[in-house]
């Protein structure tokens, strides 16, 4: 090797060593100040609940405050946009739901691309829902409900907390899989939507199992099927929608943590590892399961693969069903 070649090799080696040293220094120092966790919901919603559980655990582990910053509105566009454009240093994170998978498809004007601008960090929890009908609906099983819907195409209605929300998407996915036509009735929030189901203003709804359970017990609504891959321990006698006849159907309102896309991998790995450890603590598991959540976990790489598949899946559902944001 000539003198010029040696010089270039030395420069490359120095650059690599400096980069590795900087990465190690970043890891050792992180976090060296409070971390902002942007929640794509108002206080009290599922995203907010998950965010506060994680913020508390990470604050205890890191001995630095993790502050939940609620930025509701725009179907998740506002919160997601804040984090997508934030400095990629690990000090601005996003807690979002399954809605982040389709926010860009529904809102084509959004100033970001979730696959390009976000880095999946950790899948925190999932929350299967219950497909329930009002007590007056002449169907007590999934097969009876599908038969009724096919006999009355476009006459059965389902309520949701708003166009583009998880319950809307989950029900559209069900209708598509079952080859039936339903009428969507959006409300301003899950509270009004649940009230509409209880009063019979709408025929059915896909609702959180923990929320629906008290009303199932008193007979105001009838449970038809669980949306997840497995039966719920809260209603073990109720089959999943897939095992009851709509094969392959699965929907769970998952929740995850994201960072800006160029965040160093070492920081992402640290956050992921600390979140996974937190989700394994018995008190955290008990707190989440009591509210109907199922703790998740896994590596950032596994979550990234899952997230890419979710974006592709929902893009197709939205296009096939002709769903538009309100």
C-alpha atoms as a PDB file:
ATOM      1  CA  UNK A   1       0.000   0.000   0.000  1.00  0.00           C
ATOM      2  CA  UNK A   2       1.436   3.414  -0.964  1.00  0.00           C
ATOM      3  CA  UNK A   3       1.721   6.389   1.370  1.00  0.00           C
ATOM      4  CA  UNK A   4      -1.533   7.947   0.094  1.00  0.00           C
ATOM      5  CA  UNK A   5      -3.408   4.694   0.645  1.00  0.00           C
ATOM      6  CA  UNK A   6      -2.148   4.409   4.213  1.00  0.00           C
ATOM      7  CA  UNK A   7      -3.163   7.996   4.897  1.00  0.00           C
ATOM      8  CA  UNK A   8      -6.700   7.390   3.669  1.00  0.00           C
ATOM      9  CA  UNK A   9      -6.943   4.209   5.747  1.00  0.00           C
ATOM     10  CA  UNK A  10      -5.817   6.066   8.863  1.00  0.00           C
ATOM     11  CA  UNK A  11      -8.378   8.835   8.272  1.00  0.00           C
ATOM     12  CA  UNK A  12     -11.192   6.278   7.882  1.00  0.00           C
ATOM     13  CA  UNK A  13     -10.105   4.445  11.034  1.00  0.00           C
ATOM     14  CA  UNK A  14     -10.007   7.673  13.021  1.00  0.00           C
ATOM     15  CA  UNK A  15     -13.474   8.696  11.779  1.00  0.00           C
ATOM     16  CA  UNK A  16     -14.939   5.280  12.706  1.00  0.00           C
ATOM     17  CA  UNK A  17     -13.328   5.316  16.133  1.00  0.00           C
ATOM     18  CA  UNK A  18     -14.546   8.855  16.769  1.00  0.00           C
ATOM     19  CA  UNK A  19     -18.072   7.900  15.676  1.00  0.00           C
ATOM     20  CA  UNK A  20     -18.110   4.863  17.968  1.00  0.00           C
ATOM     21  CA  UNK A  21     -16.783   6.938  20.866  1.00  0.00           C
ATOM     22  CA  UNK A  22     -19.467   9.572  20.272  1.00  0.00           C
ATOM     23  CA  UNK A  23     -22.125   6.869  20.177  1.00  0.00           C
ATOM     24  CA  UNK A  24     -20.869   5.377  23.430  1.00  0.00           C
ATOM     25  CA  UNK A  25     -20.760   8.820  25.020  1.00  0.00           C
ATOM     26  CA  UNK A  26     -24.342   9.499  23.851  1.00  0.00           C
ATOM     27  CA  UNK A  27     -25.503   6.214  25.364  1.00  0.00           C
ATOM     28  CA  UNK A  28     -23.724   6.869  28.650  1.00  0.00           C
ATOM     29  CA  UNK A  29     -25.214  10.338  28.987  1.00  0.00           C
ATOM     30  CA  UNK A  30     -28.753   9.541  27.807  1.00  0.00           C
ATOM     31  CA  UNK A  31     -31.016  10.778  29.176  1.00  0.00           C
ATOM     32  CA  UNK A  32     -29.302  13.785  30.644  1.00  0.00           C
ATOM     33  CA  UNK A  33     -32.417  15.946  30.827  1.00  0.00           C
ATOM     34  CA  UNK A  34     -36.236  15.548  30.879  1.00  0.00           C
ATOM     35  CA  UNK A  35     -37.820  13.650  27.991  1.00  0.00           C
ATOM     36  CA  UNK A  36     -41.010  14.814  26.280  1.00  0.00           C
ATOM     37  CA  UNK A  37     -43.534  12.086  25.450  1.00  0.00           C
ATOM     38  CA  UNK A  38     -46.096  13.492  23.012  1.00  0.00           C
ATOM     39  CA  UNK A  39     -49.458  11.713  23.363  1.00  0.00           C
ATOM     40  CA  UNK A  40     -51.796  11.752  20.381  1.00  0.00           C
ATOM     41  CA  UNK A  41     -54.929  12.062  22.521  1.00  0.00           C
ATOM     42  CA  UNK A  42     -56.627  14.117  25.173  1.00  0.00           C
ATOM     43  CA  UNK A  43     -56.113  13.154  28.841  1.00  0.00           C
ATOM     44  CA  UNK A  44     -58.017  10.023  29.835  1.00  0.00           C
ATOM     45  CA  UNK A  45     -57.953   8.135  26.547  1.00  0.00           C
ATOM     46  CA  UNK A  46     -56.173   4.858  25.912  1.00  0.00           C
ATOM     47  CA  UNK A  47     -53.129   6.553  24.389  1.00  0.00           C
ATOM     48  CA  UNK A  48     -52.876   8.863  27.395  1.00  0.00           C
ATOM     49  CA  UNK A  49     -53.208   5.977  29.864  1.00  0.00           C
ATOM     50  CA  UNK A  50     -50.461   3.987  28.143  1.00  0.00           C
ATOM     51  CA  UNK A  51     -48.276   7.073  27.920  1.00  0.00           C
ATOM     52  CA  UNK A  52     -48.557   7.826  31.618  1.00  0.00           C
ATOM     53  CA  UNK A  53     -47.790   4.239  32.638  1.00  0.00           C
ATOM     54  CA  UNK A  54     -44.640   4.266  30.490  1.00  0.00           C
ATOM     55  CA  UNK A  55     -43.658   7.803  31.541  1.00  0.00           C
ATOM     56  CA  UNK A  56     -43.843   6.868  35.213  1.00  0.00           C
ATOM     57  CA  UNK A  57     -41.751   3.723  34.745  1.00  0.00           C
ATOM     58  CA  UNK A  58     -39.087   5.400  32.641  1.00  0.00           C
ATOM     59  CA  UNK A  59     -38.883   8.368  35.031  1.00  0.00           C
ATOM     60  CA  UNK A  60     -38.165   5.944  37.870  1.00  0.00           C
ATOM     61  CA  UNK A  61     -35.576   4.019  35.860  1.00  0.00           C
ATOM     62  CA  UNK A  62     -33.780   7.007  34.372  1.00  0.00           C
ATOM     63  CA  UNK A  63     -34.122   9.377  37.322  1.00  0.00           C
ATOM     64  CA  UNK A  64     -35.082  11.997  34.768  1.00  0.00           C
ATOM     65  CA  UNK A  65     -38.627  13.207  34.331  1.00  0.00           C
ATOM     66  CA  UNK A  66     -40.587  11.921  31.339  1.00  0.00           C
ATOM     67  CA  UNK A  67     -43.330  14.478  30.717  1.00  0.00           C
ATOM     68  CA  UNK A  68     -46.525  13.524  28.879  1.00  0.00           C
ATOM     69  CA  UNK A  69     -47.550  16.281  26.454  1.00  0.00           C
ATOM     70  CA  UNK A  70     -51.137  15.717  25.226  1.00  0.00           C
ATOM     71  CA  UNK A  71     -51.604  16.931  21.656  1.00  0.00           C
ATOM     72  CA  UNK A  72     -55.012  15.732  20.528  1.00  0.00           C
ATOM     73  CA  UNK A  73     -56.656  16.665  17.259  1.00  0.00           C
ATOM     74  CA  UNK A  74     -56.337  16.189  13.544  1.00  0.00           C
ATOM     75  CA  UNK A  75     -56.813  12.438  13.758  1.00  0.00           C
ATOM     76  CA  UNK A  76     -53.299  12.105  15.144  1.00  0.00           C
ATOM     77  CA  UNK A  77     -51.731  14.447  12.580  1.00  0.00           C
ATOM     78  CA  UNK A  78     -50.769  17.099  15.150  1.00  0.00           C
ATOM     79  CA  UNK A  79     -48.936  14.846  17.606  1.00  0.00           C
ATOM     80  CA  UNK A  80     -47.342  12.696  14.924  1.00  0.00           C
ATOM     81  CA  UNK A  81     -46.155  15.757  13.023  1.00  0.00           C
ATOM     82  CA  UNK A  82     -44.517  17.236  16.117  1.00  0.00           C
ATOM     83  CA  UNK A  83     -42.380  14.138  16.666  1.00  0.00           C
ATOM     84  CA  UNK A  84     -41.690  13.494  12.973  1.00  0.00           C
ATOM     85  CA  UNK A  85     -40.053  16.938  12.724  1.00  0.00           C
ATOM     86  CA  UNK A  86     -38.384  16.965  16.153  1.00  0.00           C
ATOM     87  CA  UNK A  87     -34.600  16.686  16.696  1.00  0.00           C
ATOM     88  CA  UNK A  88     -33.532  13.041  16.484  1.00  0.00           C
ATOM     89  CA  UNK A  89     -31.843  12.982  19.891  1.00  0.00           C
ATOM     90  CA  UNK A  90     -34.196  10.811  21.932  1.00  0.00           C
ATOM     91  CA  UNK A  91     -35.671  13.702  23.911  1.00  0.00           C
ATOM     92  CA  UNK A  92     -38.953  13.886  21.967  1.00  0.00           C
ATOM     93  CA  UNK A  93     -40.942  10.661  21.695  1.00  0.00           C
ATOM     94  CA  UNK A  94     -44.434   9.776  20.516  1.00  0.00           C
ATOM     95  CA  UNK A  95     -47.021   7.491  22.076  1.00  0.00           C
ATOM     96  CA  UNK A  96     -49.591   6.567  19.458  1.00  0.00           C
ATOM     97  CA  UNK A  97     -52.161   3.903  18.691  1.00  0.00           C
ATOM     98  CA  UNK A  98     -52.844   1.774  15.640  1.00  0.00           C
ATOM     99  CA  UNK A  99     -54.067   5.044  14.114  1.00  0.00           C
ATOM    100  CA  UNK A 100     -50.495   6.012  13.283  1.00  0.00           C
ATOM    101  CA  UNK A 101     -50.556   3.178  10.707  1.00  0.00           C
ATOM    102  CA  UNK A 102     -53.133   4.936   8.563  1.00  0.00           C
ATOM    103  CA  UNK A 103     -52.929   8.616   9.504  1.00  0.00           C
ATOM    104  CA  UNK A 104     -50.963   9.360   6.338  1.00  0.00           C
ATOM    105  CA  UNK A 105     -53.381   7.415   4.126  1.00  0.00           C
ATOM    106  CA  UNK A 106     -56.454   9.162   5.539  1.00  0.00           C
ATOM    107  CA  UNK A 107     -54.813  12.583   5.689  1.00  0.00           C
ATOM    108  CA  UNK A 108     -52.872  12.866   2.465  1.00  0.00           C
ATOM    109  CA  UNK A 109     -52.046  16.492   3.291  1.00  0.00           C
ATOM    110  CA  UNK A 110     -50.092  15.432   6.396  1.00  0.00           C
ATOM    111  CA  UNK A 111     -46.580  16.940   6.281  1.00  0.00           C
ATOM    112  CA  UNK A 112     -44.842  13.656   7.039  1.00  0.00           C
ATOM    113  CA  UNK A 113     -44.486  10.041   5.965  1.00  0.00           C
ATOM    114  CA  UNK A 114     -44.704   7.681   8.944  1.00  0.00           C
ATOM    115  CA  UNK A 115     -42.436   5.075   7.358  1.00  0.00           C
ATOM    116  CA  UNK A 116     -39.828   7.669   6.428  1.00  0.00           C
ATOM    117  CA  UNK A 117     -40.035  10.051   9.373  1.00  0.00           C
ATOM    118  CA  UNK A 118     -40.670   7.801  12.396  1.00  0.00           C
ATOM    119  CA  UNK A 119     -38.593   5.092  14.050  1.00  0.00           C
ATOM    120  CA  UNK A 120     -40.641   2.412  15.870  1.00  0.00           C
ATOM    121  CA  UNK A 121     -39.215   1.951  19.369  1.00  0.00           C
ATOM    122  CA  UNK A 122     -41.480  -0.430  21.284  1.00  0.00           C
ATOM    123  CA  UNK A 123     -44.875  -2.062  21.000  1.00  0.00           C
ATOM    124  CA  UNK A 124     -46.303  -1.450  24.461  1.00  0.00           C
ATOM    125  CA  UNK A 125     -49.783  -2.953  24.589  1.00  0.00           C
ATOM    126  CA  UNK A 126     -52.752  -4.137  22.599  1.00  0.00           C
ATOM    127  CA  UNK A 127     -56.428  -3.884  23.404  1.00  0.00           C
ATOM    128  CA  UNK A 128     -58.798  -6.283  21.651  1.00  0.00           C
ATOM    129  CA  UNK A 129     -62.350  -5.077  21.339  1.00  0.00           C
ATOM    130  CA  UNK A 130     -65.772  -6.655  21.592  1.00  0.00           C
ATOM    131  CA  UNK A 131     -68.226  -6.591  18.721  1.00  0.00           C
ATOM    132  CA  UNK A 132     -71.504  -5.988  20.541  1.00  0.00           C
ATOM    133  CA  UNK A 133     -75.083  -5.396  19.422  1.00  0.00           C
ATOM    134  CA  UNK A 134     -77.981  -3.690  21.150  1.00  0.00           C
ATOM    135  CA  UNK A 135     -80.290  -6.050  23.000  1.00  0.00           C
ATOM    136  CA  UNK A 136     -83.060  -5.437  20.448  1.00  0.00           C
ATOM    137  CA  UNK A 137     -81.039  -6.722  17.479  1.00  0.00           C
ATOM    138  CA  UNK A 138     -82.347 -10.193  16.498  1.00  0.00           C
ATOM    139  CA  UNK A 139     -78.920 -11.818  16.494  1.00  0.00           C
ATOM    140  CA  UNK A 140     -77.039 -13.478  19.331  1.00  0.00           C
ATOM    141  CA  UNK A 141     -74.120 -14.979  17.427  1.00  0.00           C
ATOM    142  CA  UNK A 142     -71.766 -13.902  14.696  1.00  0.00           C
ATOM    143  CA  UNK A 143     -73.370 -16.136  12.084  1.00  0.00           C
ATOM    144  CA  UNK A 144     -76.810 -14.716  12.892  1.00  0.00           C
ATOM    145  CA  UNK A 145     -75.473 -11.159  12.686  1.00  0.00           C
ATOM    146  CA  UNK A 146     -73.821 -11.767   9.307  1.00  0.00           C
ATOM    147  CA  UNK A 147     -76.994 -13.403   7.968  1.00  0.00           C
ATOM    148  CA  UNK A 148     -79.055 -10.441   9.190  1.00  0.00           C
ATOM    149  CA  UNK A 149     -76.683  -7.954   7.584  1.00  0.00           C
ATOM    150  CA  UNK A 150     -76.787  -9.808   4.276  1.00  0.00           C
ATOM    151  CA  UNK A 151     -80.586  -9.931   4.400  1.00  0.00           C
ATOM    152  CA  UNK A 152     -80.682  -6.176   5.068  1.00  0.00           C
ATOM    153  CA  UNK A 153     -77.703  -4.709   3.186  1.00  0.00           C
ATOM    154  CA  UNK A 154     -76.936  -1.145   4.202  1.00  0.00           C
ATOM    155  CA  UNK A 155     -79.587  -1.106   6.944  1.00  0.00           C
ATOM    156  CA  UNK A 156     -77.608  -2.108  10.055  1.00  0.00           C
ATOM    157  CA  UNK A 157     -75.650   0.724  11.628  1.00  0.00           C
ATOM    158  CA  UNK A 158     -72.512   0.844  13.741  1.00  0.00           C
ATOM    159  CA  UNK A 159     -71.383   3.679  15.960  1.00  0.00           C
ATOM    160  CA  UNK A 160     -67.836   4.929  16.484  1.00  0.00           C
ATOM    161  CA  UNK A 161     -66.036   7.714  18.288  1.00  0.00           C
ATOM    162  CA  UNK A 162     -65.279   9.402  14.976  1.00  0.00           C
ATOM    163  CA  UNK A 163     -64.348   8.774  11.375  1.00  0.00           C
ATOM    164  CA  UNK A 164     -60.882   7.311  11.056  1.00  0.00           C
ATOM    165  CA  UNK A 165     -60.689   6.115  14.648  1.00  0.00           C
ATOM    166  CA  UNK A 166     -59.736   2.593  15.698  1.00  0.00           C
ATOM    167  CA  UNK A 167     -63.333   1.415  16.154  1.00  0.00           C
ATOM    168  CA  UNK A 168     -64.220   2.731  12.690  1.00  0.00           C
ATOM    169  CA  UNK A 169     -61.290   0.961  11.052  1.00  0.00           C
ATOM    170  CA  UNK A 170     -61.830  -2.267  12.979  1.00  0.00           C
ATOM    171  CA  UNK A 171     -65.499  -2.431  11.984  1.00  0.00           C
ATOM    172  CA  UNK A 172     -64.769  -1.605   8.350  1.00  0.00           C
ATOM    173  CA  UNK A 173     -62.209  -4.403   8.346  1.00  0.00           C
ATOM    174  CA  UNK A 174     -64.859  -6.761   9.772  1.00  0.00           C
ATOM    175  CA  UNK A 175     -67.466  -5.719   7.187  1.00  0.00           C
ATOM    176  CA  UNK A 176     -64.939  -6.201   4.399  1.00  0.00           C
ATOM    177  CA  UNK A 177     -63.909  -9.650   5.684  1.00  0.00           C
ATOM    178  CA  UNK A 178     -67.530 -10.759   6.192  1.00  0.00           C
ATOM    179  CA  UNK A 179     -68.630  -9.314   2.826  1.00  0.00           C
ATOM    180  CA  UNK A 180     -71.449  -7.260   4.347  1.00  0.00           C
ATOM    181  CA  UNK A 181     -72.491  -3.625   4.036  1.00  0.00           C
ATOM    182  CA  UNK A 182     -72.991  -1.565   7.196  1.00  0.00           C
ATOM    183  CA  UNK A 183     -73.790   2.106   7.813  1.00  0.00           C
ATOM    184  CA  UNK A 184     -71.227   4.101   9.744  1.00  0.00           C
ATOM    185  CA  UNK A 185     -72.518   6.618  12.302  1.00  0.00           C
ATOM    186  CA  UNK A 186     -69.628   8.689  13.739  1.00  0.00           C
ATOM    187  CA  UNK A 187     -69.929  10.482  17.079  1.00  0.00           C
ATOM    188  CA  UNK A 188     -67.734  13.018  18.825  1.00  0.00           C
ATOM    189  CA  UNK A 189     -65.939  10.618  21.105  1.00  0.00           C
ATOM    190  CA  UNK A 190     -66.284   7.113  22.518  1.00  0.00           C
ATOM    191  CA  UNK A 191     -68.648   8.257  25.288  1.00  0.00           C
ATOM    192  CA  UNK A 192     -71.410   9.446  22.922  1.00  0.00           C
ATOM    193  CA  UNK A 193     -70.824   6.397  20.732  1.00  0.00           C
ATOM    194  CA  UNK A 194     -71.314   4.040  23.682  1.00  0.00           C
ATOM    195  CA  UNK A 195     -74.430   5.941  24.747  1.00  0.00           C
ATOM    196  CA  UNK A 196     -75.830   5.496  21.245  1.00  0.00           C
ATOM    197  CA  UNK A 197     -75.273   1.736  21.415  1.00  0.00           C
ATOM    198  CA  UNK A 198     -76.872   1.465  24.859  1.00  0.00           C
ATOM    199  CA  UNK A 199     -79.936   3.412  23.729  1.00  0.00           C
ATOM    200  CA  UNK A 200     -80.340   1.471  20.507  1.00  0.00           C
ATOM    201  CA  UNK A 201     -79.645   4.514  18.357  1.00  0.00           C
ATOM    202  CA  UNK A 202     -77.132   2.314  16.511  1.00  0.00           C
ATOM    203  CA  UNK A 203     -77.323  -1.437  16.091  1.00  0.00           C
ATOM    204  CA  UNK A 204     -73.759  -2.369  16.943  1.00  0.00           C
ATOM    205  CA  UNK A 205     -70.301  -1.145  17.851  1.00  0.00           C
ATOM    206  CA  UNK A 206     -66.770  -2.371  18.343  1.00  0.00           C
ATOM    207  CA  UNK A 207     -65.910  -1.308  21.882  1.00  0.00           C
ATOM    208  CA  UNK A 208     -63.262  -1.935  24.522  1.00  0.00           C
ATOM    209  CA  UNK A 209     -63.978  -5.137  26.423  1.00  0.00           C
ATOM    210  CA  UNK A 210     -63.488  -3.572  29.854  1.00  0.00           C
ATOM    211  CA  UNK A 211     -65.880  -0.760  28.890  1.00  0.00           C
ATOM    212  CA  UNK A 212     -68.523  -3.120  27.518  1.00  0.00           C
ATOM    213  CA  UNK A 213     -68.418  -5.713  30.291  1.00  0.00           C
ATOM    214  CA  UNK A 214     -70.723  -3.984  32.841  1.00  0.00           C
ATOM    215  CA  UNK A 215     -73.381  -3.480  30.154  1.00  0.00           C
ATOM    216  CA  UNK A 216     -73.074  -7.078  28.958  1.00  0.00           C
ATOM    217  CA  UNK A 217     -73.656  -8.330  32.493  1.00  0.00           C
ATOM    218  CA  UNK A 218     -76.957  -6.439  32.831  1.00  0.00           C
ATOM    219  CA  UNK A 219     -78.152  -7.441  29.363  1.00  0.00           C
ATOM    220  CA  UNK A 220     -78.171  -4.015  27.698  1.00  0.00           C
ATOM    221  CA  UNK A 221     -75.899  -5.227  24.920  1.00  0.00           C
ATOM    222  CA  UNK A 222     -75.107  -8.687  23.555  1.00  0.00           C
ATOM    223  CA  UNK A 223     -71.530  -9.858  22.991  1.00  0.00           C
ATOM    224  CA  UNK A 224     -70.969 -11.259  19.501  1.00  0.00           C
ATOM    225  CA  UNK A 225     -67.231 -11.796  19.163  1.00  0.00           C
ATOM    226  CA  UNK A 226     -63.815 -10.716  20.378  1.00  0.00           C
ATOM    227  CA  UNK A 227     -61.709  -8.933  17.781  1.00  0.00           C
ATOM    228  CA  UNK A 228     -58.275 -10.236  18.828  1.00  0.00           C
ATOM    229  CA  UNK A 229     -56.401 -13.398  17.923  1.00  0.00           C
ATOM    230  CA  UNK A 230     -57.344 -15.120  21.186  1.00  0.00           C
ATOM    231  CA  UNK A 231     -60.285 -15.059  23.581  1.00  0.00           C
ATOM    232  CA  UNK A 232     -60.293 -12.475  26.324  1.00  0.00           C
ATOM    233  CA  UNK A 233     -59.850 -13.571  29.959  1.00  0.00           C
ATOM    234  CA  UNK A 234     -62.542 -10.999  30.782  1.00  0.00           C
ATOM    235  CA  UNK A 235     -65.080 -12.873  28.614  1.00  0.00           C
ATOM    236  CA  UNK A 236     -63.606 -16.355  28.091  1.00  0.00           C
ATOM    237  CA  UNK A 237     -66.894 -17.826  26.906  1.00  0.00           C
ATOM    238  CA  UNK A 238     -67.111 -15.461  23.917  1.00  0.00           C
ATOM    239  CA  UNK A 239     -65.309 -16.715  20.784  1.00  0.00           C
ATOM    240  CA  UNK A 240     -63.065 -14.593  18.624  1.00  0.00           C
ATOM    241  CA  UNK A 241     -64.627 -13.257  15.438  1.00  0.00           C
ATOM    242  CA  UNK A 242     -62.257 -15.458  13.452  1.00  0.00           C
ATOM    243  CA  UNK A 243     -63.152 -18.702  15.222  1.00  0.00           C
ATOM    244  CA  UNK A 244     -66.860 -17.803  15.067  1.00  0.00           C
ATOM    245  CA  UNK A 245     -66.810 -17.772  11.283  1.00  0.00           C
ATOM    246  CA  UNK A 246     -65.045 -14.776   9.741  1.00  0.00           C
ATOM    247  CA  UNK A 247     -61.758 -16.593   9.222  1.00  0.00           C
ATOM    248  CA  UNK A 248     -58.580 -14.582   9.390  1.00  0.00           C
ATOM    249  CA  UNK A 249     -60.149 -11.513  10.947  1.00  0.00           C
ATOM    250  CA  UNK A 250     -58.033  -9.974  13.661  1.00  0.00           C
ATOM    251  CA  UNK A 251     -58.030  -6.471  15.068  1.00  0.00           C
ATOM    252  CA  UNK A 252     -56.483  -5.063  18.192  1.00  0.00           C
ATOM    253  CA  UNK A 253     -56.008  -1.417  19.055  1.00  0.00           C
ATOM    254  CA  UNK A 254     -52.285  -1.591  19.719  1.00  0.00           C
ATOM    255  CA  UNK A 255     -50.179   1.170  21.262  1.00  0.00           C
ATOM    256  CA  UNK A 256     -46.532   1.947  20.684  1.00  0.00           C
ATOM    257  CA  UNK A 257     -43.668   4.362  21.241  1.00  0.00           C
ATOM    258  CA  UNK A 258     -41.953   6.089  18.310  1.00  0.00           C
ATOM    259  CA  UNK A 259     -38.974   8.426  17.869  1.00  0.00           C
ATOM    260  CA  UNK A 260     -37.852  10.676  15.004  1.00  0.00           C
ATOM    261  CA  UNK A 261     -36.407   8.552  12.195  1.00  0.00           C
ATOM    262  CA  UNK A 262     -32.721   9.444  12.557  1.00  0.00           C
ATOM    263  CA  UNK A 263     -32.532   8.820  16.307  1.00  0.00           C
ATOM    264  CA  UNK A 264     -29.329   6.848  17.067  1.00  0.00           C
ATOM    265  CA  UNK A 265     -29.920   3.110  17.201  1.00  0.00           C
ATOM    266  CA  UNK A 266     -28.188   2.885  20.565  1.00  0.00           C
ATOM    267  CA  UNK A 267     -30.712   5.282  22.109  1.00  0.00           C
ATOM    268  CA  UNK A 268     -33.634   3.429  20.535  1.00  0.00           C
ATOM    269  CA  UNK A 269     -32.268   0.135  21.891  1.00  0.00           C
ATOM    270  CA  UNK A 270     -31.921   1.616  25.384  1.00  0.00           C
ATOM    271  CA  UNK A 271     -35.473   3.005  25.433  1.00  0.00           C
ATOM    272  CA  UNK A 272     -36.827  -0.270  24.074  1.00  0.00           C
ATOM    273  CA  UNK A 273     -34.979  -2.333  26.665  1.00  0.00           C
ATOM    274  CA  UNK A 274     -36.152  -0.187  29.565  1.00  0.00           C
ATOM    275  CA  UNK A 275     -39.765  -0.253  28.348  1.00  0.00           C
ATOM    276  CA  UNK A 276     -39.695  -4.043  27.939  1.00  0.00           C
ATOM    277  CA  UNK A 277     -38.337  -4.403  31.486  1.00  0.00           C
ATOM    278  CA  UNK A 278     -41.092  -2.121  32.793  1.00  0.00           C
ATOM    279  CA  UNK A 279     -43.763  -4.199  31.040  1.00  0.00           C
ATOM    280  CA  UNK A 280     -42.495  -7.299  32.825  1.00  0.00           C
ATOM    281  CA  UNK A 281     -43.010  -5.860  36.299  1.00  0.00           C
ATOM    282  CA  UNK A 282     -46.001  -7.538  38.039  1.00  0.00           C
ATOM    283  CA  UNK A 283     -47.594  -4.283  39.185  1.00  0.00           C
ATOM    284  CA  UNK A 284     -47.417  -2.797  35.687  1.00  0.00           C
ATOM    285  CA  UNK A 285     -48.906  -5.968  34.192  1.00  0.00           C
ATOM    286  CA  UNK A 286     -51.715  -5.946  36.765  1.00  0.00           C
ATOM    287  CA  UNK A 287     -52.472  -2.274  36.170  1.00  0.00           C
ATOM    288  CA  UNK A 288     -52.675  -2.678  32.396  1.00  0.00           C
ATOM    289  CA  UNK A 289     -54.656  -5.936  32.356  1.00  0.00           C
ATOM    290  CA  UNK A 290     -57.193  -4.538  34.824  1.00  0.00           C
ATOM    291  CA  UNK A 291     -57.998  -1.873  32.223  1.00  0.00           C
ATOM    292  CA  UNK A 292     -58.298  -4.380  29.389  1.00  0.00           C
ATOM    293  CA  UNK A 293     -54.815  -3.901  27.920  1.00  0.00           C
ATOM    294  CA  UNK A 294     -52.480  -6.753  27.034  1.00  0.00           C
ATOM    295  CA  UNK A 295     -48.791  -5.887  27.648  1.00  0.00           C
ATOM    296  CA  UNK A 296     -46.589  -6.546  24.631  1.00  0.00           C
ATOM    297  CA  UNK A 297     -42.824  -6.090  24.254  1.00  0.00           C
ATOM    298  CA  UNK A 298     -40.248  -7.390  21.798  1.00  0.00           C
ATOM    299  CA  UNK A 299     -37.387  -5.632  20.058  1.00  0.00           C
ATOM    300  CA  UNK A 300     -37.503  -2.380  18.112  1.00  0.00           C
ATOM    301  CA  UNK A 301     -36.717  -4.355  14.951  1.00  0.00           C
ATOM    302  CA  UNK A 302     -39.701  -6.654  15.491  1.00  0.00           C
ATOM    303  CA  UNK A 303     -41.963  -3.660  16.045  1.00  0.00           C
ATOM    304  CA  UNK A 304     -40.638  -1.966  12.897  1.00  0.00           C
ATOM    305  CA  UNK A 305     -41.470  -5.063  10.819  1.00  0.00           C
ATOM    306  CA  UNK A 306     -44.942  -5.255  12.366  1.00  0.00           C
ATOM    307  CA  UNK A 307     -45.506  -1.534  11.772  1.00  0.00           C
ATOM    308  CA  UNK A 308     -44.624  -1.745   8.074  1.00  0.00           C
ATOM    309  CA  UNK A 309     -47.131  -4.577   7.669  1.00  0.00           C
ATOM    310  CA  UNK A 310     -49.817  -2.571   9.494  1.00  0.00           C
ATOM    311  CA  UNK A 311     -49.304   0.454   7.224  1.00  0.00           C
ATOM    312  CA  UNK A 312     -49.685  -1.734   4.134  1.00  0.00           C
ATOM    313  CA  UNK A 313     -52.739  -3.539   5.532  1.00  0.00           C
ATOM    314  CA  UNK A 314     -54.639  -0.386   6.426  1.00  0.00           C
ATOM    315  CA  UNK A 315     -53.775   1.337   3.166  1.00  0.00           C
ATOM    316  CA  UNK A 316     -55.536  -1.498   1.330  1.00  0.00           C
ATOM    317  CA  UNK A 317     -58.543  -1.527   3.696  1.00  0.00           C
ATOM    318  CA  UNK A 318     -59.024   2.229   3.316  1.00  0.00           C
ATOM    319  CA  UNK A 319     -58.740   2.105  -0.460  1.00  0.00           C
ATOM    320  CA  UNK A 320     -61.030  -0.928  -0.843  1.00  0.00           C
ATOM    321  CA  UNK A 321     -63.699   0.477   1.488  1.00  0.00           C
ATOM    322  CA  UNK A 322     -63.428   4.033   0.170  1.00  0.00           C
ATOM    323  CA  UNK A 323     -62.945   5.424   3.693  1.00  0.00           C
ATOM    324  CA  UNK A 324     -62.331   9.155   3.976  1.00  0.00           C
ATOM    325  CA  UNK A 325     -61.386  11.305   6.948  1.00  0.00           C
ATOM    326  CA  UNK A 326     -64.163  13.486   8.330  1.00  0.00           C
END
